[in-house]
Amino acid sequence: WLAGQHRAETTAEYQRRIRGVLDSEAADLA
C-alpha cells in the first residue's frame, strides 16, 4: 500500500520491486 498516493502498487510496480530484490541478492553473490 502506497500511503502517500492512497493506492496499492500496480503489477508493474510490484514486479519492479521484486526484481530489485533479486538483482540485489544476485549482485551480493557476484
All heavy atoms as atom14 arrays in JSON, in Angstrom:
{
  "sequence": "WLAGQHRAETTAEYQRRIRGVLDSEAADLA",
  "atom14_mask": [
    [1, 1, 1, 1, 1, 1, 1, 1, 1, 1, 1, 1, 1, 1],
    [1, 1, 1, 1, 1, 1, 1, 1, 0, 0, 0, 0, 0, 0],
    [1, 1, 1, 1, 1, 0, 0, 0, 0, 0, 0, 0, 0, 0],
    [1, 1, 1, 1, 0, 0, 0, 0, 0, 0, 0, 0, 0, 0],
    [1, 1, 1, 1, 1, 1, 1, 1, 1, 0, 0, 0, 0, 0],
    [1, 1, 1, 1, 1, 1, 1, 1, 1, 1, 0, 0, 0, 0],
    [1, 1, 1, 1, 1, 1, 1, 1, 1, 1, 1, 0, 0, 0],
    [1, 1, 1, 1, 1, 0, 0, 0, 0, 0, 0, 0, 0, 0],
    [1, 1, 1, 1, 1, 1, 1, 1, 1, 0, 0, 0, 0, 0],
    [1, 1, 1, 1, 1, 1, 1, 0, 0, 0, 0, 0, 0, 0],
    [1, 1, 1, 1, 1, 1, 1, 0, 0, 0, 0, 0, 0, 0],
    [1, 1, 1, 1, 1, 0, 0, 0, 0, 0, 0, 0, 0, 0],
    [1, 1, 1, 1, 1, 1, 1, 1, 1, 0, 0, 0, 0, 0],
    [1, 1, 1, 1, 1, 1, 1, 1, 1, 1, 1, 1, 0, 0],
    [1, 1, 1, 1, 1, 1, 1, 1, 1, 0, 0, 0, 0, 0],
    [1, 1, 1, 1, 1, 1, 1, 1, 1, 1, 1, 0, 0, 0],
    [1, 1, 1, 1, 1, 1, 1, 1, 1, 1, 1, 0, 0, 0],
    [1, 1, 1, 1, 1, 1, 1, 1, 0, 0, 0, 0, 0, 0],
    [1, 1, 1, 1, 1, 1, 1, 1, 1, 1, 1, 0, 0, 0],
    [1, 1, 1, 1, 0, 0, 0, 0, 0, 0, 0, 0, 0, 0],
    [1, 1, 1, 1, 1, 1, 1, 0, 0, 0, 0, 0, 0, 0],
    [1, 1, 1, 1, 1, 1, 1, 1, 0, 0, 0, 0, 0, 0],
    [1, 1, 1, 1, 1, 1, 1, 1, 0, 0, 0, 0, 0, 0],
    [1, 1, 1, 1, 1, 1, 0, 0, 0, 0, 0, 0, 0, 0],
    [1, 1, 1, 1, 1, 1, 1, 1, 1, 0, 0, 0, 0, 0],
    [1, 1, 1, 1, 1, 0, 0, 0, 0, 0, 0, 0, 0, 0],
    [1, 1, 1, 1, 1, 0, 0, 0, 0, 0, 0, 0, 0, 0],
    [1, 1, 1, 1, 1, 1, 1, 1, 0, 0, 0, 0, 0, 0],
    [1, 1, 1, 1, 1, 1, 1, 1, 0, 0, 0, 0, 0, 0],
    [1, 1, 1, 1, 1, 0, 0, 0, 0, 0, 0, 0, 0, 0]
  ],
  "atom14_positions": [
    [[0.84, -1.19, 0.0], [0.0, 0.0, 0.0], [0.88, 1.25, 0.0], [1.77, 1.38, 0.84], [-0.91, 0.01, 1.22], [-1.81, 1.2, 1.3], [-1.69, 2.27, 2.12], [-2.96, 1.44, 0.5], [-2.69, 3.17, 1.91], [-3.5, 2.69, 0.9], [-3.61, 0.73, -0.51], [-4.65, 3.24, 0.34], [-4.76, 1.28, -1.09], [-5.26, 2.51, -0.67]],
    [[0.65, 2.12, -0.96], [1.41, 3.37, -1.07], [0.58, 4.47, -0.41], [-0.29, 5.1, -1.03], [1.68, 3.7, -2.55], [2.37, 2.58, -3.35], [2.53, 2.96, -4.82], [3.72, 2.23, -2.74], [0.0, 0.0, 0.0], [0.0, 0.0, 0.0], [0.0, 0.0, 0.0], [0.0, 0.0, 0.0], [0.0, 0.0, 0.0], [0.0, 0.0, 0.0]],
    [[0.86, 4.65, 0.89], [0.01, 5.56, 1.69], [-0.01, 6.97, 1.13], [-1.06, 7.62, 1.1], [0.5, 5.56, 3.13], [0.0, 0.0, 0.0], [0.0, 0.0, 0.0], [0.0, 0.0, 0.0], [0.0, 0.0, 0.0], [0.0, 0.0, 0.0], [0.0, 0.0, 0.0], [0.0, 0.0, 0.0], [0.0, 0.0, 0.0], [0.0, 0.0, 0.0]],
    [[1.15, 7.45, 0.67], [1.21, 8.81, 0.15], [0.36, 9.02, -1.09], [-0.02, 10.15, -1.41], [0.0, 0.0, 0.0], [0.0, 0.0, 0.0], [0.0, 0.0, 0.0], [0.0, 0.0, 0.0], [0.0, 0.0, 0.0], [0.0, 0.0, 0.0], [0.0, 0.0, 0.0], [0.0, 0.0, 0.0], [0.0, 0.0, 0.0], [0.0, 0.0, 0.0]],
    [[0.09, 7.92, -1.8], [-0.69, 8.03, -3.04], [-2.08, 7.41, -2.89], [-2.86, 7.37, -3.84], [0.06, 7.35, -4.19], [1.45, 7.94, -4.44], [2.19, 7.21, -5.55], [1.63, 6.91, -6.61], [3.47, 6.92, -5.31], [0.0, 0.0, 0.0], [0.0, 0.0, 0.0], [0.0, 0.0, 0.0], [0.0, 0.0, 0.0], [0.0, 0.0, 0.0]],
    [[-2.36, 6.91, -1.68], [-3.66, 6.31, -1.37], [-4.05, 5.21, -2.36], [-5.18, 5.14, -2.85], [-4.76, 7.39, -1.34], [-4.47, 8.52, -0.41], [-4.52, 8.38, 0.97], [-4.08, 9.8, -0.65], [-4.2, 9.52, 1.54], [-3.91, 10.4, 0.58], [0.0, 0.0, 0.0], [0.0, 0.0, 0.0], [0.0, 0.0, 0.0], [0.0, 0.0, 0.0]],
    [[-3.1, 4.33, -2.64], [-3.38, 3.23, -3.56], [-2.36, 2.11, -3.33], [-1.32, 2.32, -2.69], [-3.31, 3.69, -5.02], [-1.91, 4.14, -5.45], [-1.87, 4.53, -6.92], [-0.55, 4.97, -7.33], [0.43, 4.15, -7.74], [0.22, 2.83, -7.77], [1.61, 4.62, -8.1], [0.0, 0.0, 0.0], [0.0, 0.0, 0.0], [0.0, 0.0, 0.0]],
    [[-2.69, 0.96, -3.88], [-1.75, -0.16, -3.84], [-0.85, -0.11, -5.07], [-1.16, 0.55, -6.08], [-2.52, -1.48, -3.81], [0.0, 0.0, 0.0], [0.0, 0.0, 0.0], [0.0, 0.0, 0.0], [0.0, 0.0, 0.0], [0.0, 0.0, 0.0], [0.0, 0.0, 0.0], [0.0, 0.0, 0.0], [0.0, 0.0, 0.0], [0.0, 0.0, 0.0]],
    [[0.27, -0.82, -4.98], [1.17, -0.93, -6.13], [0.44, -1.51, -7.34], [-0.41, -2.39, -7.19], [2.35, -1.86, -5.81], [3.37, -1.32, -4.85], [4.44, -2.36, -4.54], [4.07, -3.53, -4.31], [5.63, -2.0, -4.52], [0.0, 0.0, 0.0], [0.0, 0.0, 0.0], [0.0, 0.0, 0.0], [0.0, 0.0, 0.0], [0.0, 0.0, 0.0]],
    [[0.82, -1.05, -8.5], [0.38, -1.73, -9.72], [1.21, -2.99, -9.92], [2.23, -3.2, -9.24], [0.56, -0.82, -10.93], [1.97, -0.57, -11.12], [-0.16, 0.52, -10.75], [0.0, 0.0, 0.0], [0.0, 0.0, 0.0], [0.0, 0.0, 0.0], [0.0, 0.0, 0.0], [0.0, 0.0, 0.0], [0.0, 0.0, 0.0], [0.0, 0.0, 0.0]],
    [[0.78, -3.82, -10.86], [1.56, -5.02, -11.17], [2.97, -4.66, -11.58], [3.94, -5.28, -11.13], [0.86, -5.82, -12.28], [-0.37, -6.33, -11.79], [1.74, -6.98, -12.75], [0.0, 0.0, 0.0], [0.0, 0.0, 0.0], [0.0, 0.0, 0.0], [0.0, 0.0, 0.0], [0.0, 0.0, 0.0], [0.0, 0.0, 0.0], [0.0, 0.0, 0.0]],
    [[3.11, -3.64, -12.42], [4.45, -3.24, -12.88], [5.31, -2.76, -11.72], [6.51, -3.08, -11.64], [4.32, -2.14, -13.94], [0.0, 0.0, 0.0], [0.0, 0.0, 0.0], [0.0, 0.0, 0.0], [0.0, 0.0, 0.0], [0.0, 0.0, 0.0], [0.0, 0.0, 0.0], [0.0, 0.0, 0.0], [0.0, 0.0, 0.0], [0.0, 0.0, 0.0]],
    [[4.73, -2.02, -10.79], [5.5, -1.53, -9.63], [5.88, -2.67, -8.71], [7.01, -2.72, -8.19], [4.67, -0.48, -8.87], [4.53, 0.83, -9.62], [3.5, 1.75, -8.99], [2.54, 1.23, -8.35], [3.64, 2.97, -9.12], [0.0, 0.0, 0.0], [0.0, 0.0, 0.0], [0.0, 0.0, 0.0], [0.0, 0.0, 0.0], [0.0, 0.0, 0.0]],
    [[4.93, -3.58, -8.48], [5.22, -4.73, -7.64], [6.35, -5.57, -8.25], [7.3, -5.94, -7.56], [3.95, -5.57, -7.5], [4.18, -6.97, -6.97], [4.42, -7.2, -5.62], [4.15, -8.08, -7.83], [4.62, -8.49, -5.14], [4.35, -9.36, -7.36], [4.58, -9.56, -6.02], [4.8, -10.83, -5.54], [0.0, 0.0, 0.0], [0.0, 0.0, 0.0]],
    [[6.27, -5.86, -9.54], [7.29, -6.68, -10.18], [8.64, -5.97, -10.22], [9.68, -6.62, -10.09], [6.83, -7.07, -11.59], [5.68, -8.07, -11.58], [5.29, -8.52, -12.96], [5.19, -7.72, -13.89], [5.05, -9.82, -13.11], [0.0, 0.0, 0.0], [0.0, 0.0, 0.0], [0.0, 0.0, 0.0], [0.0, 0.0, 0.0], [0.0, 0.0, 0.0]],
    [[8.62, -4.66, -10.38], [9.88, -3.93, -10.36], [10.55, -4.03, -8.98], [11.76, -4.18, -8.87], [9.64, -2.46, -10.74], [10.91, -1.64, -10.86], [10.69, -0.35, -11.65], [9.6, 0.45, -11.12], [8.45, 0.67, -11.76], [8.22, 0.11, -12.95], [7.52, 1.43, -11.21], [0.0, 0.0, 0.0], [0.0, 0.0, 0.0], [0.0, 0.0, 0.0]],
    [[9.74, -3.98, -7.92], [10.28, -4.11, -6.56], [10.88, -5.5, -6.35], [11.99, -5.63, -5.79], [9.18, -3.84, -5.54], [9.59, -4.07, -4.09], [8.6, -3.47, -3.11], [7.26, -4.01, -3.23], [6.84, -5.14, -2.67], [7.69, -5.89, -1.96], [5.58, -5.55, -2.81], [0.0, 0.0, 0.0], [0.0, 0.0, 0.0], [0.0, 0.0, 0.0]],
    [[10.17, -6.53, -6.78], [10.67, -7.9, -6.62], [11.94, -8.1, -7.44], [12.91, -8.71, -6.98], [9.6, -8.92, -7.04], [8.35, -8.78, -6.16], [10.16, -10.34, -6.95], [8.6, -8.91, -4.68], [0.0, 0.0, 0.0], [0.0, 0.0, 0.0], [0.0, 0.0, 0.0], [0.0, 0.0, 0.0], [0.0, 0.0, 0.0], [0.0, 0.0, 0.0]],
    [[11.95, -7.57, -8.65], [13.13, -7.69, -9.5], [14.33, -7.02, -8.83], [15.46, -7.51, -8.9], [12.85, -7.08, -10.87], [13.91, -7.41, -11.92], [13.49, -6.94, -13.3], [12.33, -7.69, -13.79], [11.1, -7.19, -13.91], [10.85, -5.93, -13.58], [10.11, -7.96, -14.35], [0.0, 0.0, 0.0], [0.0, 0.0, 0.0], [0.0, 0.0, 0.0]],
    [[14.08, -5.9, -8.15], [15.17, -5.22, -7.44], [15.75, -6.07, -6.33], [16.96, -6.08, -6.1], [0.0, 0.0, 0.0], [0.0, 0.0, 0.0], [0.0, 0.0, 0.0], [0.0, 0.0, 0.0], [0.0, 0.0, 0.0], [0.0, 0.0, 0.0], [0.0, 0.0, 0.0], [0.0, 0.0, 0.0], [0.0, 0.0, 0.0], [0.0, 0.0, 0.0]],
    [[14.86, -6.81, -5.61], [15.33, -7.71, -4.55], [16.22, -8.8, -5.14], [17.32, -9.08, -4.62], [14.14, -8.33, -3.8], [14.62, -9.42, -2.85], [13.37, -7.26, -3.04], [0.0, 0.0, 0.0], [0.0, 0.0, 0.0], [0.0, 0.0, 0.0], [0.0, 0.0, 0.0], [0.0, 0.0, 0.0], [0.0, 0.0, 0.0], [0.0, 0.0, 0.0]],
    [[15.77, -9.43, -6.21], [16.55, -10.49, -6.85], [17.88, -9.96, -7.38], [18.92, -10.59, -7.2], [15.75, -11.12, -7.99], [14.59, -12.03, -7.59], [13.72, -12.34, -8.81], [15.09, -13.31, -6.97], [0.0, 0.0, 0.0], [0.0, 0.0, 0.0], [0.0, 0.0, 0.0], [0.0, 0.0, 0.0], [0.0, 0.0, 0.0], [0.0, 0.0, 0.0]],
    [[17.84, -8.81, -8.02], [19.07, -8.22, -8.57], [20.07, -7.91, -7.46], [21.27, -8.15, -7.6], [18.76, -6.95, -9.35], [18.08, -7.22, -10.68], [18.13, -8.38, -11.14], [17.5, -6.28, -11.27], [0.0, 0.0, 0.0], [0.0, 0.0, 0.0], [0.0, 0.0, 0.0], [0.0, 0.0, 0.0], [0.0, 0.0, 0.0], [0.0, 0.0, 0.0]],
    [[19.57, -7.39, -6.35], [20.46, -7.03, -5.24], [21.13, -8.26, -4.64], [22.35, -8.27, -4.38], [19.66, -6.29, -4.16], [20.46, -6.02, -3.03], [0.0, 0.0, 0.0], [0.0, 0.0, 0.0], [0.0, 0.0, 0.0], [0.0, 0.0, 0.0], [0.0, 0.0, 0.0], [0.0, 0.0, 0.0], [0.0, 0.0, 0.0], [0.0, 0.0, 0.0]],
    [[20.36, -9.34, -4.44], [20.93, -10.56, -3.86], [21.91, -11.23, -4.83], [22.96, -11.72, -4.42], [19.82, -11.52, -3.45], [18.96, -11.0, -2.3], [18.43, -12.11, -1.41], [19.11, -13.15, -1.28], [17.34, -11.94, -0.84], [0.0, 0.0, 0.0], [0.0, 0.0, 0.0], [0.0, 0.0, 0.0], [0.0, 0.0, 0.0], [0.0, 0.0, 0.0]],
    [[21.55, -11.24, -6.12], [22.47, -11.81, -7.11], [23.76, -11.02, -7.18], [24.85, -11.59, -7.34], [21.79, -11.86, -8.48], [0.0, 0.0, 0.0], [0.0, 0.0, 0.0], [0.0, 0.0, 0.0], [0.0, 0.0, 0.0], [0.0, 0.0, 0.0], [0.0, 0.0, 0.0], [0.0, 0.0, 0.0], [0.0, 0.0, 0.0], [0.0, 0.0, 0.0]],
    [[23.67, -9.7, -7.05], [24.87, -8.86, -7.06], [25.74, -9.15, -5.84], [26.97, -9.16, -5.94], [24.48, -7.38, -7.1], [0.0, 0.0, 0.0], [0.0, 0.0, 0.0], [0.0, 0.0, 0.0], [0.0, 0.0, 0.0], [0.0, 0.0, 0.0], [0.0, 0.0, 0.0], [0.0, 0.0, 0.0], [0.0, 0.0, 0.0], [0.0, 0.0, 0.0]],
    [[25.11, -9.39, -4.68], [25.87, -9.76, -3.48], [26.65, -11.05, -3.72], [27.83, -11.16, -3.34], [24.93, -9.95, -2.29], [24.57, -8.64, -1.61], [25.22, -7.63, -1.91], [23.63, -8.64, -0.79], [0.0, 0.0, 0.0], [0.0, 0.0, 0.0], [0.0, 0.0, 0.0], [0.0, 0.0, 0.0], [0.0, 0.0, 0.0], [0.0, 0.0, 0.0]],
    [[26.0, -12.03, -4.33], [26.69, -13.29, -4.64], [27.87, -13.04, -5.57], [28.96, -13.57, -5.35], [25.72, -14.28, -5.28], [24.67, -14.94, -4.37], [23.79, -15.87, -5.19], [25.33, -15.72, -3.24], [0.0, 0.0, 0.0], [0.0, 0.0, 0.0], [0.0, 0.0, 0.0], [0.0, 0.0, 0.0], [0.0, 0.0, 0.0], [0.0, 0.0, 0.0]],
    [[27.65, -12.25, -6.61], [28.71, -12.0, -7.59], [29.9, -11.29, -6.94], [31.06, -11.6, -7.23], [28.16, -11.17, -8.74], [0.0, 0.0, 0.0], [0.0, 0.0, 0.0], [0.0, 0.0, 0.0], [0.0, 0.0, 0.0], [0.0, 0.0, 0.0], [0.0, 0.0, 0.0], [0.0, 0.0, 0.0], [0.0, 0.0, 0.0], [0.0, 0.0, 0.0]]
  ]
}
